N, C-alpha and C. Protein backbone atom coordinates (compact mmCIF):
# COMPACT_ATOMS: atom_id res chain seq x y z
N MET A 1 -53.61 -137.16 -25.25
CA MET A 1 -52.86 -137.27 -24.03
C MET A 1 -53.80 -137.71 -22.93
N ASN A 2 -53.36 -138.70 -22.18
CA ASN A 2 -54.14 -139.22 -21.07
C ASN A 2 -53.14 -139.67 -20.02
N THR A 3 -53.55 -139.58 -18.77
CA THR A 3 -52.67 -140.01 -17.70
C THR A 3 -53.46 -140.79 -16.66
N GLU A 4 -52.72 -141.56 -15.90
CA GLU A 4 -53.36 -142.33 -14.84
C GLU A 4 -52.35 -142.53 -13.71
N PRO A 5 -52.64 -141.91 -12.54
CA PRO A 5 -51.73 -142.16 -11.42
C PRO A 5 -51.89 -143.59 -10.93
N LEU A 6 -50.79 -144.25 -10.67
CA LEU A 6 -50.85 -145.60 -10.12
C LEU A 6 -50.55 -145.50 -8.64
N ASN A 7 -49.45 -146.06 -8.23
CA ASN A 7 -49.02 -145.95 -6.85
C ASN A 7 -48.42 -144.57 -6.64
N PRO A 8 -48.23 -144.18 -5.39
CA PRO A 8 -47.59 -142.87 -5.17
C PRO A 8 -46.26 -142.79 -5.92
N GLY A 9 -46.10 -141.72 -6.66
CA GLY A 9 -44.87 -141.50 -7.40
C GLY A 9 -44.84 -142.10 -8.79
N ILE A 10 -45.86 -142.86 -9.18
CA ILE A 10 -45.88 -143.47 -10.51
C ILE A 10 -47.03 -142.88 -11.31
N LEU A 11 -46.69 -142.35 -12.47
CA LEU A 11 -47.68 -141.76 -13.35
C LEU A 11 -47.58 -142.45 -14.71
N VAL A 12 -48.69 -142.99 -15.19
CA VAL A 12 -48.74 -143.65 -16.49
C VAL A 12 -49.19 -142.62 -17.53
N LEU A 13 -48.37 -142.44 -18.56
CA LEU A 13 -48.71 -141.52 -19.64
C LEU A 13 -49.22 -142.33 -20.82
N LYS A 14 -50.33 -141.85 -21.41
CA LYS A 14 -50.96 -142.58 -22.51
C LYS A 14 -51.26 -141.64 -23.67
N GLY A 15 -51.14 -142.18 -24.88
CA GLY A 15 -51.57 -141.44 -26.06
C GLY A 15 -50.50 -140.56 -26.66
N GLU A 16 -50.95 -139.47 -27.31
CA GLU A 16 -50.06 -138.57 -28.02
C GLU A 16 -49.72 -137.35 -27.18
N PHE A 17 -48.44 -137.02 -27.15
CA PHE A 17 -47.96 -135.83 -26.45
C PHE A 17 -47.35 -134.92 -27.50
N THR A 18 -48.07 -133.83 -27.80
CA THR A 18 -47.68 -132.93 -28.88
C THR A 18 -47.65 -131.49 -28.38
N GLN A 19 -47.21 -130.62 -29.27
CA GLN A 19 -47.18 -129.19 -28.96
C GLN A 19 -48.56 -128.69 -28.55
N ASP A 20 -49.59 -129.30 -29.06
CA ASP A 20 -50.96 -128.86 -28.75
C ASP A 20 -51.35 -129.09 -27.29
N ASN A 21 -50.69 -130.04 -26.62
CA ASN A 21 -51.07 -130.30 -25.23
C ASN A 21 -49.91 -130.13 -24.24
N THR A 22 -48.88 -129.36 -24.62
CA THR A 22 -47.75 -129.17 -23.70
C THR A 22 -48.15 -128.41 -22.44
N HIS A 23 -49.05 -127.45 -22.56
CA HIS A 23 -49.49 -126.71 -21.37
C HIS A 23 -50.16 -127.66 -20.38
N GLU A 24 -51.01 -128.52 -20.88
CA GLU A 24 -51.69 -129.50 -20.04
C GLU A 24 -50.69 -130.48 -19.42
N PHE A 25 -49.71 -130.90 -20.21
CA PHE A 25 -48.67 -131.82 -19.73
C PHE A 25 -47.86 -131.16 -18.61
N ARG A 26 -47.46 -129.91 -18.82
CA ARG A 26 -46.69 -129.17 -17.82
C ARG A 26 -47.49 -129.03 -16.52
N GLN A 27 -48.74 -128.70 -16.65
CA GLN A 27 -49.61 -128.53 -15.48
C GLN A 27 -49.78 -129.86 -14.74
N LEU A 28 -49.99 -130.91 -15.46
CA LEU A 28 -50.14 -132.23 -14.87
C LEU A 28 -48.91 -132.63 -14.07
N LEU A 29 -47.73 -132.45 -14.65
CA LEU A 29 -46.50 -132.80 -13.96
C LEU A 29 -46.32 -131.95 -12.70
N SER A 30 -46.63 -130.68 -12.79
CA SER A 30 -46.50 -129.79 -11.63
C SER A 30 -47.43 -130.21 -10.50
N GLU A 31 -48.65 -130.54 -10.84
CA GLU A 31 -49.62 -130.97 -9.82
C GLU A 31 -49.19 -132.29 -9.20
N PHE A 32 -48.70 -133.20 -10.01
CA PHE A 32 -48.28 -134.50 -9.50
C PHE A 32 -47.07 -134.35 -8.58
N ALA A 33 -46.20 -133.39 -8.90
CA ALA A 33 -44.99 -133.17 -8.11
C ALA A 33 -45.29 -132.54 -6.75
N GLU A 34 -46.46 -131.98 -6.57
CA GLU A 34 -46.81 -131.40 -5.27
C GLU A 34 -46.78 -132.46 -4.18
N ASP A 35 -47.11 -133.68 -4.53
CA ASP A 35 -47.15 -134.78 -3.56
C ASP A 35 -46.02 -135.78 -3.74
N ASN A 36 -45.22 -135.63 -4.79
CA ASN A 36 -44.18 -136.61 -5.12
C ASN A 36 -42.92 -135.91 -5.58
N LYS A 37 -41.85 -136.04 -4.82
CA LYS A 37 -40.58 -135.43 -5.21
C LYS A 37 -39.81 -136.34 -6.17
N HIS A 38 -40.04 -137.63 -6.07
CA HIS A 38 -39.41 -138.61 -6.97
C HIS A 38 -40.53 -139.23 -7.80
N ILE A 39 -40.43 -139.08 -9.11
CA ILE A 39 -41.52 -139.48 -9.99
C ILE A 39 -41.04 -140.50 -11.01
N ASP A 40 -41.82 -141.57 -11.14
CA ASP A 40 -41.60 -142.57 -12.18
C ASP A 40 -42.67 -142.35 -13.24
N LEU A 41 -42.24 -142.10 -14.47
CA LEU A 41 -43.17 -141.93 -15.58
C LEU A 41 -43.17 -143.19 -16.42
N ASP A 42 -44.27 -143.92 -16.37
CA ASP A 42 -44.43 -145.11 -17.21
C ASP A 42 -44.87 -144.61 -18.58
N VAL A 43 -43.98 -144.72 -19.55
CA VAL A 43 -44.24 -144.19 -20.89
C VAL A 43 -44.57 -145.28 -21.90
N SER A 44 -44.85 -146.47 -21.43
CA SER A 44 -45.07 -147.62 -22.32
C SER A 44 -46.31 -147.47 -23.20
N LEU A 45 -47.24 -146.61 -22.82
CA LEU A 45 -48.47 -146.46 -23.59
C LEU A 45 -48.51 -145.18 -24.42
N ILE A 46 -47.37 -144.49 -24.51
CA ILE A 46 -47.29 -143.29 -25.35
C ILE A 46 -47.21 -143.73 -26.80
N THR A 47 -48.03 -143.10 -27.66
CA THR A 47 -48.02 -143.42 -29.08
C THR A 47 -47.26 -142.38 -29.90
N PHE A 48 -47.09 -141.17 -29.35
CA PHE A 48 -46.33 -140.12 -30.04
C PHE A 48 -45.84 -139.14 -29.00
N PHE A 49 -44.58 -138.70 -29.16
CA PHE A 49 -43.97 -137.78 -28.19
C PHE A 49 -43.07 -136.84 -28.98
N ASP A 50 -43.49 -135.57 -29.11
CA ASP A 50 -42.72 -134.65 -29.96
C ASP A 50 -41.70 -133.86 -29.16
N SER A 51 -40.94 -133.02 -29.85
CA SER A 51 -39.86 -132.26 -29.22
C SER A 51 -40.37 -131.26 -28.20
N ALA A 52 -41.56 -130.69 -28.41
CA ALA A 52 -42.12 -129.76 -27.44
C ALA A 52 -42.40 -130.47 -26.12
N SER A 53 -42.92 -131.67 -26.19
CA SER A 53 -43.19 -132.46 -24.99
C SER A 53 -41.88 -132.87 -24.32
N LEU A 54 -40.88 -133.17 -25.12
CA LEU A 54 -39.58 -133.50 -24.58
C LEU A 54 -39.00 -132.31 -23.82
N GLY A 55 -39.20 -131.11 -24.36
CA GLY A 55 -38.76 -129.90 -23.69
C GLY A 55 -39.43 -129.71 -22.34
N VAL A 56 -40.72 -130.00 -22.26
CA VAL A 56 -41.44 -129.92 -20.99
C VAL A 56 -40.84 -130.90 -19.99
N LEU A 57 -40.55 -132.09 -20.44
CA LEU A 57 -39.99 -133.12 -19.57
C LEU A 57 -38.60 -132.73 -19.07
N VAL A 58 -37.77 -132.17 -19.93
CA VAL A 58 -36.43 -131.73 -19.55
C VAL A 58 -36.51 -130.60 -18.51
N ALA A 59 -37.36 -129.63 -18.75
CA ALA A 59 -37.51 -128.51 -17.81
C ALA A 59 -38.02 -129.01 -16.46
N PHE A 60 -38.96 -129.92 -16.49
CA PHE A 60 -39.52 -130.47 -15.26
C PHE A 60 -38.46 -131.24 -14.48
N ASN A 61 -37.66 -132.02 -15.19
CA ASN A 61 -36.58 -132.77 -14.55
C ASN A 61 -35.59 -131.83 -13.87
N ARG A 62 -35.26 -130.74 -14.53
CA ARG A 62 -34.34 -129.75 -13.97
C ARG A 62 -34.90 -129.15 -12.68
N ILE A 63 -36.17 -128.82 -12.69
CA ILE A 63 -36.82 -128.24 -11.50
C ILE A 63 -36.79 -129.23 -10.34
N LEU A 64 -37.14 -130.47 -10.62
CA LEU A 64 -37.14 -131.47 -9.55
C LEU A 64 -35.74 -131.72 -9.00
N LYS A 65 -34.74 -131.75 -9.87
CA LYS A 65 -33.37 -131.97 -9.41
C LYS A 65 -32.90 -130.85 -8.49
N GLU A 66 -33.36 -129.62 -8.75
CA GLU A 66 -32.98 -128.48 -7.92
C GLU A 66 -33.47 -128.63 -6.48
N VAL A 67 -34.53 -129.41 -6.28
CA VAL A 67 -35.07 -129.60 -4.93
C VAL A 67 -34.80 -131.02 -4.42
N GLY A 68 -33.83 -131.70 -5.05
CA GLY A 68 -33.45 -133.03 -4.60
C GLY A 68 -34.33 -134.15 -5.10
N GLY A 69 -35.14 -133.87 -6.10
CA GLY A 69 -36.04 -134.89 -6.64
C GLY A 69 -35.47 -135.55 -7.88
N SER A 70 -36.29 -136.37 -8.51
CA SER A 70 -35.84 -137.07 -9.71
C SER A 70 -37.03 -137.52 -10.55
N VAL A 71 -36.74 -137.74 -11.82
CA VAL A 71 -37.72 -138.31 -12.75
C VAL A 71 -37.07 -139.53 -13.38
N ARG A 72 -37.75 -140.67 -13.31
CA ARG A 72 -37.28 -141.87 -13.98
C ARG A 72 -38.26 -142.21 -15.09
N ILE A 73 -37.73 -142.68 -16.21
CA ILE A 73 -38.53 -143.08 -17.37
C ILE A 73 -38.65 -144.60 -17.34
N ILE A 74 -39.89 -145.07 -17.29
CA ILE A 74 -40.15 -146.50 -17.15
C ILE A 74 -40.73 -147.06 -18.45
N ASN A 75 -40.16 -148.16 -18.91
CA ASN A 75 -40.65 -148.94 -20.06
C ASN A 75 -40.85 -148.15 -21.35
N PRO A 76 -39.81 -147.43 -21.79
CA PRO A 76 -39.98 -146.71 -23.06
C PRO A 76 -39.97 -147.67 -24.25
N LYS A 77 -40.78 -147.35 -25.25
CA LYS A 77 -40.76 -148.10 -26.50
C LYS A 77 -39.44 -147.81 -27.21
N PRO A 78 -39.06 -148.64 -28.17
CA PRO A 78 -37.78 -148.44 -28.85
C PRO A 78 -37.59 -147.02 -29.42
N TYR A 79 -38.64 -146.44 -30.02
CA TYR A 79 -38.47 -145.11 -30.61
C TYR A 79 -38.19 -144.06 -29.54
N LEU A 80 -38.75 -144.22 -28.34
CA LEU A 80 -38.46 -143.27 -27.26
C LEU A 80 -37.04 -143.47 -26.73
N LYS A 81 -36.61 -144.71 -26.62
CA LYS A 81 -35.23 -144.96 -26.20
C LYS A 81 -34.26 -144.33 -27.19
N THR A 82 -34.55 -144.46 -28.48
CA THR A 82 -33.71 -143.85 -29.50
C THR A 82 -33.72 -142.34 -29.38
N LEU A 83 -34.88 -141.75 -29.17
CA LEU A 83 -34.99 -140.30 -29.01
C LEU A 83 -34.14 -139.82 -27.83
N PHE A 84 -34.22 -140.51 -26.71
CA PHE A 84 -33.43 -140.13 -25.54
C PHE A 84 -31.93 -140.29 -25.82
N ALA A 85 -31.56 -141.34 -26.54
CA ALA A 85 -30.15 -141.56 -26.85
C ALA A 85 -29.62 -140.50 -27.83
N LEU A 86 -30.38 -140.20 -28.88
CA LEU A 86 -29.94 -139.23 -29.88
C LEU A 86 -29.79 -137.83 -29.30
N THR A 87 -30.59 -137.51 -28.30
CA THR A 87 -30.54 -136.18 -27.69
C THR A 87 -29.67 -136.17 -26.43
N ASN A 88 -29.02 -137.28 -26.15
CA ASN A 88 -28.17 -137.45 -24.95
C ASN A 88 -28.94 -137.31 -23.64
N LEU A 89 -30.23 -137.40 -23.70
CA LEU A 89 -31.03 -137.30 -22.48
C LEU A 89 -31.00 -138.58 -21.67
N ASP A 90 -30.51 -139.65 -22.29
CA ASP A 90 -30.35 -140.90 -21.54
C ASP A 90 -29.29 -140.73 -20.46
N LYS A 91 -28.52 -139.65 -20.53
CA LYS A 91 -27.52 -139.36 -19.50
C LYS A 91 -28.12 -138.52 -18.36
N HIS A 92 -29.31 -137.97 -18.58
CA HIS A 92 -29.95 -137.10 -17.60
C HIS A 92 -31.15 -137.74 -16.92
N PHE A 93 -31.67 -138.79 -17.53
CA PHE A 93 -32.81 -139.51 -16.96
C PHE A 93 -32.39 -140.95 -16.73
N GLN A 94 -32.84 -141.50 -15.62
CA GLN A 94 -32.65 -142.93 -15.43
C GLN A 94 -33.76 -143.63 -16.20
N ILE A 95 -33.38 -144.54 -17.07
CA ILE A 95 -34.35 -145.26 -17.90
C ILE A 95 -34.39 -146.70 -17.42
N ILE A 96 -35.58 -147.15 -17.08
CA ILE A 96 -35.76 -148.47 -16.50
C ILE A 96 -36.74 -149.28 -17.36
N GLU A 97 -36.34 -150.51 -17.63
CA GLU A 97 -37.22 -151.43 -18.36
C GLU A 97 -37.59 -152.55 -17.42
N THR A 98 -38.87 -152.79 -17.27
CA THR A 98 -39.34 -153.88 -16.41
C THR A 98 -39.96 -154.96 -17.30
N PRO A 99 -39.90 -156.20 -16.84
CA PRO A 99 -40.47 -157.28 -17.66
C PRO A 99 -41.97 -157.20 -17.76
């Protein structure tokens, strides 16, 4: 798991997101949200994303929505788009594909 903040509100996620690093992922999102109520997660460089990481993302989205914020998923690979569709999370997250 690796991350790189870009512009304000944009966080690039890289590598594998597994049960082994969910605590780190949760902490990272919380720290990033201190300065950003609306967050764009560029997931184009994720190589693996398991259900534990998905759970962290869902919980984080719920917290942000409670305070008027949002999480958008940017440039998901086909397997992530399928994961979001199969779990109906594509109805809870705005998914954006850029050229």
